[in-house]
Amino acid sequence: MFLSFRAPALAGLVLLTSALSGSGTAQAGETGDPVAGAKIFKRCSVCHREDADESRRGPLLEGVVGRRAATAPGYPFSDAMRAAGAEGLVWDEEHLTRFLKKPQAMVRGTWMAFAGIGNRRDVLDLIAYLRKHHD
C-alpha cells in the first residue's frame, strides 16, 4: 500500500478546494464520459497539461493512465512520489480513483496540493478523458 509516506509537503502550490460529495471508488464495469471529463479537467489545468510538451506546476498527464508513478519526463517529483513509483505504483483506474479522491491520503508528501474529487462519477469521467490523451 502507498499510505505510509511521511515526507513533508512543500509549500507554494495552489490549493484547489473542489472536494465533492460521493463515493470515491469505481464499480466493476463502470466507465466515464470523456466529454464530461474534459470539463472536469479544467480544474486540473491550473497545474497540469494533458497533451503538450510543457508542464505547469504539475507533471504532464499525457499517457498517465497505465504509467508508473513519478516517470513523466522532465518533472522533478517529490521524494514521496518517487518512492511510490519505485515501490510499483502504476496509475491504473483503481489507483487514480483513490489518488484523485484524496491525494495526500494516498501518497503522503506528494506535492499535489489538491483537496480531491469526492464524486465518483466525476473521477470516472476525468479518467476517461485522460485515457484519450495516451501516448
Protein backbone atom coordinates (compact mmCIF):
# COMPACT_ATOMS: atom_id res chain seq x y z
CA MET A 1 0.00 0.00 0.00
CA PHE A 2 1.13 3.55 -0.65
CA LEU A 3 -0.20 5.08 2.57
CA SER A 4 2.96 5.13 4.64
CA PHE A 5 4.92 8.00 3.11
CA ARG A 6 5.84 10.69 5.63
CA ALA A 7 7.86 13.19 3.55
CA PRO A 8 6.80 16.77 4.36
CA ALA A 9 4.63 18.57 1.85
CA LEU A 10 6.21 21.58 0.17
CA ALA A 11 4.57 24.98 0.23
CA GLY A 12 3.95 27.15 -2.79
CA LEU A 13 1.45 25.06 -4.75
CA VAL A 14 -2.02 26.32 -5.46
CA LEU A 15 -4.56 24.63 -3.20
CA LEU A 16 -7.73 23.81 -5.07
CA THR A 17 -10.81 23.32 -2.96
CA SER A 18 -13.08 21.15 -5.06
CA ALA A 19 -13.80 18.23 -2.77
CA LEU A 20 -17.22 16.97 -3.69
CA SER A 21 -19.55 14.52 -2.00
CA GLY A 22 -19.90 10.88 -3.02
CA SER A 23 -18.06 7.59 -3.11
CA GLY A 24 -14.54 7.52 -4.49
CA THR A 25 -14.19 4.01 -5.85
CA ALA A 26 -15.20 2.77 -9.28
CA GLN A 27 -17.59 -0.15 -9.52
CA ALA A 28 -16.78 -3.02 -11.88
CA GLY A 29 -17.85 -2.27 -15.43
CA GLU A 30 -18.37 1.45 -14.90
CA THR A 31 -16.91 3.77 -17.47
CA GLY A 32 -16.71 7.52 -17.64
CA ASP A 33 -17.66 10.08 -20.23
CA PRO A 34 -14.59 11.77 -21.75
CA VAL A 35 -16.65 14.80 -22.84
CA ALA A 36 -17.77 15.41 -19.25
CA GLY A 37 -14.20 14.65 -18.15
CA ALA A 38 -12.88 17.49 -20.33
CA LYS A 39 -14.96 19.92 -18.28
CA ILE A 40 -13.63 18.46 -15.04
CA PHE A 41 -10.07 18.64 -16.35
CA LYS A 42 -10.35 22.43 -16.45
CA ARG A 43 -9.84 22.30 -12.65
CA CYS A 44 -6.64 20.31 -13.20
CA SER A 45 -5.34 22.59 -15.93
CA VAL A 46 -4.32 25.17 -13.35
CA CYS A 47 -1.30 22.91 -12.72
CA HIS A 48 -1.33 20.24 -15.47
CA ARG A 49 -1.38 19.85 -19.25
CA GLU A 50 -2.81 16.73 -20.82
CA ASP A 51 -1.15 16.78 -24.23
CA ALA A 52 1.56 19.42 -24.54
CA ASP A 53 5.34 19.35 -24.41
CA GLU A 54 5.33 21.57 -21.36
CA SER A 55 4.09 21.18 -17.84
CA ARG A 56 2.93 23.76 -15.41
CA ARG A 57 3.27 23.26 -11.66
CA GLY A 58 2.46 19.58 -12.03
CA PRO A 59 3.68 16.91 -14.43
CA LEU A 60 2.39 16.39 -17.95
CA LEU A 61 -0.58 14.00 -17.87
CA GLU A 62 -0.36 12.68 -21.42
CA GLY A 63 -0.22 8.90 -21.10
CA VAL A 64 -0.72 8.94 -17.33
CA VAL A 65 -3.25 6.07 -17.38
CA GLY A 66 -1.14 2.93 -17.13
CA ARG A 67 2.11 4.77 -16.39
CA ARG A 68 4.28 4.09 -13.36
CA ALA A 69 4.15 6.93 -10.82
CA ALA A 70 6.89 9.57 -10.99
CA THR A 71 8.04 8.67 -14.51
CA ALA A 72 6.69 11.57 -16.58
CA PRO A 73 9.73 13.05 -18.32
CA GLY A 74 11.06 16.42 -17.27
CA TYR A 75 9.28 16.78 -13.92
CA PRO A 76 11.09 16.80 -10.54
CA PHE A 77 8.72 14.64 -8.49
CA SER A 78 8.58 14.71 -4.69
CA ASP A 79 10.55 12.11 -2.75
CA ALA A 80 7.23 10.56 -1.70
CA MET A 81 6.01 10.14 -5.28
CA ARG A 82 9.37 8.79 -6.47
CA ALA A 83 9.28 6.25 -3.63
CA ALA A 84 5.72 5.22 -4.56
CA GLY A 85 6.80 4.70 -8.17
CA ALA A 86 9.86 2.73 -7.09
CA GLU A 87 7.58 0.51 -4.99
CA GLY A 88 5.46 -0.21 -8.08
CA LEU A 89 2.62 2.31 -8.03
CA VAL A 90 1.07 2.39 -11.50
CA TRP A 91 -1.67 4.85 -12.40
CA ASP A 92 -4.34 2.33 -13.33
CA GLU A 93 -8.01 3.19 -12.83
CA GLU A 94 -8.10 1.87 -9.26
CA HIS A 95 -5.08 3.88 -8.10
CA LEU A 96 -6.09 7.02 -10.00
CA THR A 97 -9.53 6.82 -8.40
CA ARG A 98 -8.04 6.60 -4.90
CA PHE A 99 -5.46 9.32 -5.59
CA LEU A 100 -7.92 11.75 -7.16
CA LYS A 101 -10.27 11.29 -4.22
CA LYS A 102 -7.65 12.48 -1.71
CA PRO A 103 -4.05 12.71 -2.98
CA GLN A 104 -2.35 13.38 0.37
CA ALA A 105 -4.10 10.40 1.99
CA MET A 106 -2.76 8.01 -0.64
CA VAL A 107 0.77 9.38 -1.08
CA ARG A 108 1.74 11.38 1.99
CA GLY A 109 4.19 14.07 0.98
CA THR A 110 3.07 14.39 -2.63
CA TRP A 111 3.43 17.92 -3.93
CA MET A 112 -0.10 17.76 -5.32
CA ALA A 113 -1.83 20.35 -3.18
CA PHE A 114 -5.35 19.47 -4.24
CA ALA A 115 -8.27 18.75 -1.90
CA GLY A 116 -9.54 15.94 -4.11
CA ILE A 117 -12.63 14.94 -6.07
CA GLY A 118 -15.12 13.02 -3.95
CA ASN A 119 -17.74 12.45 -6.62
CA ARG A 120 -17.21 9.00 -8.18
CA ARG A 121 -18.83 9.95 -11.50
CA ASP A 122 -16.54 12.99 -11.86
CA VAL A 123 -13.49 10.81 -11.21
CA LEU A 124 -14.59 8.23 -13.79
CA ASP A 125 -15.26 10.97 -16.33
CA LEU A 126 -11.85 12.55 -15.69
CA ILE A 127 -10.07 9.20 -16.07
CA ALA A 128 -11.97 8.56 -19.35
CA TYR A 129 -10.78 11.95 -20.59
CA LEU A 130 -7.17 11.23 -19.57
CA ARG A 131 -7.33 7.87 -21.40
CA LYS A 132 -7.95 9.82 -24.61
CA HIS A 133 -4.58 11.51 -24.12
CA HIS A 134 -2.48 8.37 -24.07
CA ASP A 135 0.82 8.33 -25.97
